[in-house]
Amino acid sequence: MSFKSKVIKWFNPEGENAQRSRVLRLVLFISLCLHLLAGLIFGGVVLVTTMLKEEVVFEAPPPIRTYEPRKVELKVKVQQKQRSSSRPQVVPRMVSARPANITLPDIKVDPKLVTTTFQPKFKAVSGVGMGVGLGTGYGTSGFGQGVSQVNFFGIKATGERIAVCVDVSVSMVEDERGGPAGFLRVKQRVNEVVDAIKDGTLFNVIAFADGCSILEGDKMMYANPETRTQAKRFFEPFNTEGHFGLSAGNFTGIASGLKGLGGTTRLDLAISAAMAQGADTILVISDGLPKVQKTQKGYTDAQIASHRARVEDWYKANAGAIAAQREAAANAPVRKVWVPEQPARPPRPPSKQSLKEGQQPDQGDPGAPARPGYWHEVRDVPAGPQPPAMPAMPDAGFWTLSDFCQHIDMIYKDVYVQKGLKMPKLHCIGYQIDKEGHGFLEKLALQYKGQFRLVNRMR
């Protein structure tokens, strides 16, 4: 039988499973060929690499130290020990039974000066002090007694002067965020952050909404059991029955930075309060985009002069009508109007309706007693002509991300640079925040070397 016939018979055996056997043999044959080819390629690469590889030889230079380190180290230790001790220093000396017969050599107390090209460099590390300074109280900026690491809703933040900024606007207690019970869990997590601040670390807590309040307005506090308890009590009344939102506060801004005309979610005030006290770590949790109204540029001198001229011309042209209106108002008849009685109004408790941002929560009605009817005198004064008013200025709009960055940079130059402080890190938490607010807080955190984390559910 020829070789060709044997190959055909091997790939095409007779029998019941001929087709299946043929496919299996074909697969095995191809796999064997691929393995042989891969082995040849790999072996060739290894062989060529080994042949072309150059031998690397390292030659150690001769030692250049010209001193005995143990002796010098011992002398230095003894000298330091003597300086720190209240006992008199031990001075080496020679004792002779017959001092007249010998001459004592001069003995040098100080160790021999060692010169060497080996100059080790030591890097400062943090200790019980503040920052990476001497480790005993002085650090990179300011004075403190500890560096704290806190878990801010999943963000691991470290700082020597920590400011915790919490959004207490009404939207934080809307139904989609769990209502007042959901905000209570937020405050519990904030309390855990406060508890994690070590004794001696400087910190402060800030609440913001339409206004801004800060626990300690003058300067940061050293963390201890008493100040941590104060911080927890500070946050406790916010967004509880009768205390929803924050329309005003004890902090209205500083001289540095941009100026806002008002708005909602005043993150600008919270950051200003933190930076005014030199915070190196700012922690922010909020649920929406801050809307800070830009200040108007004001009218130009030419616009003001033009308006005054227009008002003067108007008074000259309407002098007669103005005099007639004043005379009619002085001679207007007086008439009596009956005001009907008012029945008693029973008190009503606050309603349990859902809270919404921009709407004042229903505080209920204390009620009112019944009031009898009475006559009221009124004078019908005719309306007179009104002088022209200044044209309304266009709406300046709200702060953008670049405005916030400009605001922070201005405070940094005025407050931080002159004290030798570094730009603070800004960490942000978006609490069930919308897409627009999410993008804003994330970019703001990245701009100032912080982290951003989205929290959709509080457990």
Protein backbone atom coordinates (compact mmCIF):
# COMPACT_ATOMS: atom_id res chain seq x y z
CA MET A 1 0.00 0.00 0.00
CA SER A 2 1.40 3.47 -0.94
CA PHE A 3 2.05 6.31 1.57
CA LYS A 4 -0.78 8.38 0.11
CA SER A 5 -3.21 5.53 0.58
CA LYS A 6 -2.12 5.07 4.21
CA VAL A 7 -2.67 8.78 4.98
CA ILE A 8 -6.11 8.72 3.38
CA LYS A 9 -7.03 5.58 5.29
CA TRP A 10 -5.75 7.11 8.59
CA PHE A 11 -7.88 10.23 8.18
CA ASN A 12 -10.84 8.30 6.88
CA PRO A 13 -11.30 5.12 8.93
CA GLU A 14 -14.14 2.84 8.19
CA GLY A 15 -16.75 2.17 10.76
CA GLU A 16 -19.77 3.63 12.47
CA ASN A 17 -17.99 6.77 13.85
CA ALA A 18 -15.83 7.48 10.86
CA GLN A 19 -16.71 11.14 10.50
CA ARG A 20 -16.14 11.92 14.19
CA SER A 21 -12.79 10.14 14.28
CA ARG A 22 -11.68 11.99 11.19
CA VAL A 23 -12.34 15.40 12.76
CA LEU A 24 -10.61 14.43 16.02
CA ARG A 25 -7.48 13.23 14.27
CA LEU A 26 -7.34 16.42 12.22
CA VAL A 27 -7.51 18.59 15.34
CA LEU A 28 -4.79 16.59 17.08
CA PHE A 29 -2.54 16.82 14.07
CA ILE A 30 -2.91 20.62 13.79
CA SER A 31 -2.33 21.07 17.55
CA LEU A 32 0.86 19.02 17.38
CA CYS A 33 2.17 21.11 14.51
CA LEU A 34 1.43 24.40 16.36
CA HIS A 35 3.22 23.22 19.51
CA LEU A 36 6.29 22.20 17.52
CA LEU A 37 6.35 25.57 15.75
CA ALA A 38 6.02 27.51 19.03
CA GLY A 39 8.80 25.49 20.61
CA LEU A 40 11.16 26.21 17.75
CA ILE A 41 10.43 29.95 17.86
CA PHE A 42 10.79 30.25 21.65
CA GLY A 43 13.96 28.19 21.73
CA GLY A 44 15.51 30.31 19.00
CA VAL A 45 14.70 33.56 20.84
CA VAL A 46 16.20 32.26 24.10
CA LEU A 47 19.31 31.04 22.31
CA VAL A 48 19.90 34.33 20.48
CA THR A 49 19.27 36.38 23.65
CA THR A 50 21.75 34.27 25.65
CA MET A 51 24.44 34.60 22.99
CA LEU A 52 24.05 38.37 22.65
CA LYS A 53 23.76 39.12 26.40
CA GLU A 54 26.73 41.00 27.82
CA GLU A 55 28.12 40.18 31.22
CA VAL A 56 27.75 43.09 33.68
CA VAL A 57 30.52 43.45 36.21
CA PHE A 58 30.27 45.82 39.16
CA GLU A 59 33.48 47.04 40.76
CA ALA A 60 33.13 48.42 44.26
CA PRO A 61 35.31 51.49 44.91
CA PRO A 62 37.68 51.29 47.84
CA PRO A 63 36.31 52.61 51.11
CA ILE A 64 37.08 56.26 51.71
CA ARG A 65 36.19 56.50 55.36
CA THR A 66 39.23 57.46 57.37
CA TYR A 67 37.78 57.15 60.84
CA GLU A 68 36.62 54.54 63.19
CA PRO A 69 32.86 55.08 63.47
CA ARG A 70 32.38 53.22 66.72
CA LYS A 71 34.90 55.35 68.61
CA VAL A 72 33.50 58.62 67.26
CA GLU A 73 29.95 57.50 67.97
CA LEU A 74 30.92 56.60 71.55
CA LYS A 75 32.60 59.97 72.13
CA VAL A 76 29.58 61.86 70.77
CA LYS A 77 27.18 59.88 72.94
CA VAL A 78 29.27 60.48 76.07
CA GLN A 79 29.49 64.18 75.30
CA GLN A 80 25.72 64.48 74.74
CA LYS A 81 25.09 62.57 77.97
CA GLN A 82 27.34 64.92 79.92
CA ARG A 83 25.66 68.02 78.49
CA SER A 84 22.18 66.77 79.39
CA SER A 85 23.20 65.77 82.92
CA SER A 86 23.31 68.09 85.92
CA ARG A 87 26.45 66.37 87.21
CA PRO A 88 29.86 67.93 86.50
CA GLN A 89 31.57 66.82 83.36
CA VAL A 90 34.19 64.11 83.60
CA VAL A 91 37.43 65.44 82.19
CA PRO A 92 40.06 62.86 81.21
CA ARG A 93 43.26 63.27 83.15
CA MET A 94 46.43 61.45 84.06
CA VAL A 95 47.49 60.91 87.68
CA SER A 96 51.11 60.56 88.72
CA ALA A 97 52.60 59.70 92.09
CA ARG A 98 55.58 62.00 91.37
CA PRO A 99 54.31 64.94 89.32
CA ALA A 100 57.69 66.66 89.55
CA ASN A 101 59.41 63.91 87.61
CA ILE A 102 57.10 63.79 84.58
CA THR A 103 55.44 66.17 82.21
CA LEU A 104 51.78 65.59 81.51
CA PRO A 105 50.67 65.90 77.87
CA ASP A 106 47.80 68.13 76.83
CA ILE A 107 44.54 66.19 76.66
CA LYS A 108 41.86 67.48 74.33
CA VAL A 109 38.34 67.05 75.64
CA ASP A 110 36.49 67.57 72.36
CA PRO A 111 36.46 64.60 69.96
CA LYS A 112 38.59 64.77 66.89
CA LEU A 113 36.95 66.40 63.91
CA VAL A 114 36.20 63.77 61.32
CA THR A 115 36.26 64.68 57.64
CA THR A 116 34.72 62.37 55.11
CA THR A 117 33.00 62.52 51.76
CA PHE A 118 30.16 60.43 53.10
CA GLN A 119 27.45 62.86 54.15
CA PRO A 120 24.19 61.06 54.99
CA LYS A 121 20.97 62.95 54.46
CA PHE A 122 18.13 62.56 56.89
CA LYS A 123 14.55 63.24 55.93
CA ALA A 124 12.23 64.70 58.54
CA VAL A 125 9.35 62.53 59.59
CA SER A 126 6.18 63.24 61.50
CA GLY A 127 6.01 62.46 65.17
CA VAL A 128 3.76 63.72 67.88
CA GLY A 129 4.10 67.18 66.44
CA MET A 130 2.23 68.83 63.65
CA GLY A 131 3.16 67.95 60.09
CA VAL A 132 6.52 66.76 58.90
CA GLY A 133 8.54 68.98 61.20
CA LEU A 134 10.67 68.19 64.21
CA GLY A 135 8.09 65.74 65.52
CA THR A 136 7.67 67.54 68.83
CA GLY A 137 5.18 70.26 68.07
CA TYR A 138 6.35 72.29 65.08
CA GLY A 139 5.42 71.18 61.59
CA THR A 140 5.10 72.43 58.07
CA SER A 141 2.66 75.17 59.05
CA GLY A 142 1.53 76.45 62.38
CA PHE A 143 1.65 74.78 65.75
CA GLY A 144 -0.27 71.71 66.83
CA GLN A 145 0.03 68.43 68.59
CA GLY A 146 -1.23 65.87 66.13
CA VAL A 147 -2.13 64.91 62.59
CA SER A 148 -5.48 63.15 62.25
CA GLN A 149 -6.76 60.74 59.63
CA VAL A 150 -10.54 60.56 59.27
CA ASN A 151 -12.94 58.51 57.17
CA PHE A 152 -15.18 61.11 55.57
CA PHE A 153 -18.00 59.04 54.04
CA GLY A 154 -15.45 56.71 52.47
CA ILE A 155 -12.75 59.29 51.73
CA LYS A 156 -9.55 58.83 53.76
CA ALA A 157 -8.46 62.38 54.57
CA THR A 158 -5.48 63.53 56.64
CA GLY A 159 -4.95 66.97 58.09
CA GLU A 160 -3.56 69.11 60.88
CA ARG A 161 -6.28 71.80 60.64
CA ILE A 162 -9.56 70.22 59.54
CA ALA A 163 -12.79 72.05 58.64
CA VAL A 164 -15.99 69.99 58.29
CA CYS A 165 -18.62 71.78 56.13
CA VAL A 166 -22.15 70.32 56.06
CA ASP A 167 -25.00 71.44 53.80
CA VAL A 168 -28.10 71.92 55.99
CA SER A 169 -30.47 73.23 53.29
CA VAL A 170 -34.07 72.03 53.17
CA SER A 171 -33.31 69.84 50.16
CA MET A 172 -31.18 67.63 52.42
CA VAL A 173 -34.39 66.45 54.14
CA GLU A 174 -36.56 65.93 51.06
CA ASP A 175 -38.36 62.61 50.73
CA GLU A 176 -35.99 61.24 48.09
CA ARG A 177 -33.15 61.64 50.60
CA GLY A 178 -34.98 59.94 53.43
CA GLY A 179 -36.54 62.99 55.05
CA PRO A 180 -35.42 64.15 58.52
CA ALA A 181 -34.53 60.55 59.42
CA GLY A 182 -32.10 60.39 56.48
CA PHE A 183 -30.43 63.63 57.53
CA LEU A 184 -30.12 62.27 61.06
CA ARG A 185 -27.96 59.48 59.66
CA VAL A 186 -25.84 62.13 57.91
CA LYS A 187 -25.28 63.89 61.24
CA GLN A 188 -24.36 60.57 62.86
CA ARG A 189 -21.69 59.99 60.23
CA VAL A 190 -20.41 63.55 60.72
CA ASN A 191 -20.19 62.85 64.46
CA GLU A 192 -18.04 59.81 63.68
CA VAL A 193 -15.70 62.06 61.70
CA VAL A 194 -15.49 64.45 64.66
CA ASP A 195 -14.78 61.55 67.04
CA ALA A 196 -11.91 60.40 64.79
CA ILE A 197 -10.07 63.73 65.15
CA LYS A 198 -7.22 63.13 67.57
CA ASP A 199 -6.54 65.22 70.63
CA GLY A 200 -4.43 68.25 69.75
CA THR A 201 -5.53 68.50 66.11
CA LEU A 202 -7.04 71.85 65.18
CA PHE A 203 -10.57 71.67 63.74
CA ASN A 204 -13.85 73.51 63.25
CA VAL A 205 -17.34 72.65 62.00
CA ILE A 206 -19.42 74.76 59.60
CA ALA A 207 -23.08 74.61 58.53
CA PHE A 208 -24.25 76.30 55.34
CA ALA A 209 -27.43 76.77 53.32
CA ASP A 210 -28.79 80.22 52.37
CA GLY A 211 -26.47 81.48 55.11
CA CYS A 212 -23.46 80.16 56.99
CA SER A 213 -22.80 79.42 60.68
CA ILE A 214 -19.52 78.36 62.24
CA LEU A 215 -19.04 76.88 65.71
CA GLU A 216 -15.94 78.88 66.58
CA GLY A 217 -15.73 82.04 64.54
CA ASP A 218 -12.41 83.48 65.64
CA LYS A 219 -10.03 80.54 65.33
CA MET A 220 -9.88 76.77 65.19
CA MET A 221 -10.18 74.67 68.33
CA TYR A 222 -7.85 71.99 69.64
CA ALA A 223 -9.59 68.65 69.58
CA ASN A 224 -10.40 67.20 72.98
CA PRO A 225 -13.45 65.51 74.52
CA GLU A 226 -15.04 68.85 75.38
CA THR A 227 -14.66 70.48 71.95
CA ARG A 228 -15.79 67.33 70.16
CA THR A 229 -18.97 67.35 72.25
CA GLN A 230 -19.50 71.03 71.35
CA ALA A 231 -19.21 70.18 67.66
CA LYS A 232 -21.86 67.44 67.93
CA ARG A 233 -24.25 69.73 69.80
CA PHE A 234 -23.71 72.41 67.16
CA PHE A 235 -25.06 70.16 64.37
CA GLU A 236 -27.82 68.59 66.50
CA PRO A 237 -30.66 71.17 66.00
CA PHE A 238 -30.26 71.60 62.23
CA ASN A 239 -33.12 70.24 60.07
CA THR A 240 -35.23 69.23 63.04
CA GLU A 241 -38.83 70.25 63.74
CA GLY A 242 -39.01 74.03 63.56
CA HIS A 243 -35.36 74.45 62.48
CA PHE A 244 -35.32 73.51 58.80
CA GLY A 245 -32.72 75.15 56.61
CA LEU A 246 -30.50 78.12 57.47
CA SER A 247 -31.42 81.56 56.15
CA ALA A 248 -28.73 83.51 58.05
CA GLY A 249 -25.75 82.81 60.28
CA ASN A 250 -22.85 84.22 62.24
CA PHE A 251 -20.49 84.31 59.25
CA THR A 252 -21.08 86.65 56.31
CA GLY A 253 -17.71 86.56 54.55
CA ILE A 254 -14.20 88.00 54.70
CA ALA A 255 -12.50 90.89 52.97
CA SER A 256 -10.63 88.58 50.58
CA GLY A 257 -12.19 86.86 47.60
CA LEU A 258 -15.16 87.63 45.40
CA LYS A 259 -18.41 88.99 46.77
CA GLY A 260 -21.82 87.36 46.32
CA LEU A 261 -25.22 89.04 46.53
CA GLY A 262 -26.92 86.02 48.07
CA GLY A 263 -28.28 82.76 46.78
CA THR A 264 -28.79 79.19 47.94
CA THR A 265 -26.31 76.49 49.05
CA ARG A 266 -23.70 79.12 49.92
CA LEU A 267 -20.64 76.92 49.55
CA ASP A 268 -18.63 80.10 48.95
CA LEU A 269 -19.25 81.22 52.54
CA ALA A 270 -18.37 77.80 53.97
CA ILE A 271 -15.05 77.70 52.09
CA SER A 272 -14.32 81.29 53.07
CA ALA A 273 -14.92 80.48 56.75
CA ALA A 274 -12.61 77.45 56.58
CA MET A 275 -9.81 79.27 54.73
CA ALA A 276 -10.04 82.33 56.98
CA GLN A 277 -8.81 80.07 59.80
CA GLY A 278 -6.06 78.47 57.69
CA ALA A 279 -7.60 75.01 57.23
CA ASP A 280 -5.34 72.59 55.38
CA THR A 281 -8.13 70.02 54.85
CA ILE A 282 -11.70 71.05 53.96
CA LEU A 283 -14.42 68.35 53.99
CA VAL A 284 -17.70 69.20 52.23
CA ILE A 285 -20.95 67.25 51.93
CA SER A 286 -23.75 68.74 49.82
CA ASP A 287 -26.68 67.63 47.69
CA GLY A 288 -26.81 70.26 44.97
CA LEU A 289 -25.14 72.88 42.84
CA PRO A 290 -24.35 76.07 44.80
CA LYS A 291 -26.16 79.10 43.39
CA VAL A 292 -24.34 82.23 44.40
CA GLN A 293 -25.63 85.46 42.87
CA LYS A 294 -22.93 87.52 41.19
CA THR A 295 -22.49 91.13 42.24
CA GLN A 296 -23.54 93.82 39.81
CA LYS A 297 -20.86 95.98 38.29
CA GLY A 298 -22.94 99.10 39.08
CA TYR A 299 -23.93 102.11 37.02
CA THR A 300 -21.30 104.22 35.35
CA ASP A 301 -20.89 107.89 36.20
CA ALA A 302 -22.27 108.80 32.79
CA GLN A 303 -25.43 106.73 33.39
CA ILE A 304 -26.00 108.32 36.80
CA ALA A 305 -25.52 111.85 35.41
CA SER A 306 -27.88 111.12 32.52
CA HIS A 307 -30.58 109.86 34.89
CA ARG A 308 -30.32 112.89 37.14
CA ALA A 309 -30.71 115.23 34.17
CA ARG A 310 -33.75 113.26 33.00
CA VAL A 311 -35.39 113.50 36.46
CA GLU A 312 -34.77 117.26 36.64
CA ASP A 313 -36.34 117.75 33.21
CA TRP A 314 -39.32 115.65 34.30
CA TYR A 315 -39.95 117.73 37.44
CA LYS A 316 -39.83 120.95 35.40
CA ALA A 317 -42.28 119.60 32.83
CA ASN A 318 -44.73 118.23 35.45
CA ALA A 319 -44.52 120.97 38.09
CA GLY A 320 -48.21 121.88 37.67
CA ALA A 321 -49.44 118.27 37.91
CA ILE A 322 -47.32 117.68 41.02
CA ALA A 323 -48.75 120.80 42.77
CA ALA A 324 -52.30 119.77 41.88
CA GLN A 325 -51.79 116.27 43.27
CA ARG A 326 -50.45 117.61 46.56
CA GLU A 327 -53.43 119.99 46.93
CA ALA A 328 -55.91 117.18 46.16
CA ALA A 329 -54.24 114.92 48.75
CA ALA A 330 -54.51 117.65 51.42
CA ASN A 331 -58.22 118.27 50.70
CA ALA A 332 -59.25 114.63 50.19
CA PRO A 333 -62.43 113.75 52.17
CA VAL A 334 -62.32 111.32 55.06
CA ARG A 335 -64.73 108.42 55.11
CA LYS A 336 -65.42 105.55 57.49
CA VAL A 337 -65.16 101.89 56.54
CA TRP A 338 -66.65 99.08 58.64
CA VAL A 339 -64.25 96.26 59.43
CA PRO A 340 -66.29 93.13 60.20
CA GLU A 341 -65.70 91.03 63.27
CA GLN A 342 -63.29 88.14 63.10
CA PRO A 343 -64.17 84.81 64.70
CA ALA A 344 -61.69 82.92 66.85
CA ARG A 345 -59.13 80.84 64.98
CA PRO A 346 -58.16 77.54 66.63
CA PRO A 347 -54.47 76.53 66.76
CA ARG A 348 -53.18 74.16 64.09
CA PRO A 349 -50.13 71.89 64.39
CA PRO A 350 -47.45 71.92 61.66
CA SER A 351 -48.40 69.91 58.61
CA LYS A 352 -46.55 66.73 57.67
CA GLN A 353 -46.24 67.65 54.01
CA SER A 354 -43.01 66.90 52.18
CA LEU A 355 -40.29 69.51 52.40
CA LYS A 356 -39.10 71.16 49.20
CA GLU A 357 -36.18 73.45 48.52
CA GLY A 358 -37.32 77.06 48.06
CA GLN A 359 -40.55 76.54 50.04
CA GLN A 360 -40.86 77.56 53.64
CA PRO A 361 -41.84 74.60 55.85
CA ASP A 362 -45.32 74.81 57.34
CA GLN A 363 -44.86 75.78 61.00
CA GLY A 364 -48.55 75.48 61.90
CA ASP A 365 -50.76 78.21 63.37
CA PRO A 366 -50.85 79.23 67.03
CA GLY A 367 -54.44 80.44 66.60
CA ALA A 368 -56.03 83.79 67.47
CA PRO A 369 -58.93 84.97 69.69
CA ALA A 370 -62.13 86.44 68.32
CA ARG A 371 -62.08 90.15 67.37
CA PRO A 372 -65.15 92.45 67.27
CA GLY A 373 -65.98 94.65 64.29
CA TYR A 374 -65.08 98.37 64.20
CA TRP A 375 -65.16 101.51 62.05
CA HIS A 376 -61.93 102.59 60.32
CA GLU A 377 -61.28 106.06 58.83
CA VAL A 378 -59.61 106.27 55.43
CA ARG A 379 -58.65 109.18 53.15
CA ASP A 380 -58.97 108.76 49.38
CA VAL A 381 -55.77 110.31 48.02
CA PRO A 382 -55.55 110.47 44.24
CA ALA A 383 -52.45 109.00 42.66
CA GLY A 384 -50.07 111.51 41.15
CA PRO A 385 -47.47 111.26 38.40
CA GLN A 386 -44.31 109.31 39.20
CA PRO A 387 -40.77 110.41 38.23
CA PRO A 388 -38.75 108.16 35.92
CA ALA A 389 -36.70 105.44 37.63
CA MET A 390 -33.25 104.16 36.80
CA PRO A 391 -33.30 101.40 34.19
CA ALA A 392 -33.06 97.93 35.69
CA MET A 393 -29.65 96.35 35.43
CA PRO A 394 -29.38 92.97 33.69
CA ASP A 395 -29.15 89.86 35.83
CA ALA A 396 -25.49 89.10 36.52
CA GLY A 397 -26.18 85.37 36.86
CA PHE A 398 -24.61 82.84 39.24
CA TRP A 399 -21.04 81.87 40.03
CA THR A 400 -19.43 79.31 37.77
CA LEU A 401 -16.66 76.86 38.61
CA SER A 402 -14.07 79.38 37.43
CA ASP A 403 -15.56 81.99 39.79
CA PHE A 404 -15.21 79.60 42.74
CA CYS A 405 -11.60 78.85 41.76
CA GLN A 406 -10.84 82.55 41.46
CA HIS A 407 -12.45 83.11 44.88
CA ILE A 408 -10.32 80.38 46.51
CA ASP A 409 -7.11 81.55 44.83
CA MET A 410 -7.66 85.12 46.02
CA ILE A 411 -8.11 84.00 49.63
CA TYR A 412 -5.04 81.78 49.32
CA LYS A 413 -2.85 84.70 48.23
CA ASP A 414 -4.15 87.03 50.95
CA VAL A 415 -4.30 84.58 53.88
CA TYR A 416 -2.09 81.57 53.21
CA VAL A 417 0.93 82.95 51.37
CA GLN A 418 1.83 85.50 54.01
CA LYS A 419 1.67 82.80 56.71
CA GLY A 420 3.71 80.30 54.69
CA LEU A 421 0.81 77.84 54.45
CA LYS A 422 0.07 75.48 51.59
CA MET A 423 -3.10 75.46 49.51
CA PRO A 424 -5.73 73.36 51.35
CA LYS A 425 -7.06 70.09 50.00
CA LEU A 426 -10.78 70.06 49.26
CA HIS A 427 -12.67 66.74 49.58
CA CYS A 428 -16.32 66.66 48.45
CA ILE A 429 -19.22 64.26 49.01
CA GLY A 430 -22.21 64.44 46.66
CA TYR A 431 -25.18 63.23 48.72
CA GLN A 432 -27.78 61.94 46.22
CA ILE A 433 -26.75 64.89 44.07
CA ASP A 434 -28.01 65.74 40.60
CA LYS A 435 -25.86 65.49 37.49
CA GLU A 436 -25.00 69.19 37.35
CA GLY A 437 -24.00 69.37 41.01
CA HIS A 438 -22.07 66.09 40.70
CA GLY A 439 -19.92 67.48 37.90
CA PHE A 440 -19.29 70.74 39.77
CA LEU A 441 -18.17 69.17 43.07
CA GLU A 442 -16.04 66.55 41.34
CA LYS A 443 -14.15 69.14 39.29
CA LEU A 444 -13.75 71.43 42.31
CA ALA A 445 -12.25 68.60 44.38
CA LEU A 446 -9.84 67.58 41.62
CA GLN A 447 -8.79 71.21 41.12
CA TYR A 448 -7.57 71.37 44.73
CA LYS A 449 -6.00 67.89 44.98
CA GLY A 450 -8.93 66.38 46.83
CA GLN A 451 -11.24 63.45 46.25
CA PHE A 452 -14.90 63.20 45.29
CA ARG A 453 -17.31 60.44 46.20
CA LEU A 454 -20.98 59.98 45.33
CA VAL A 455 -23.20 58.72 48.16
CA ASN A 456 -26.66 57.59 47.06
CA ARG A 457 -27.81 55.90 50.22
CA MET A 458 -27.02 56.46 53.86
CA ARG A 459 -27.07 53.42 56.13
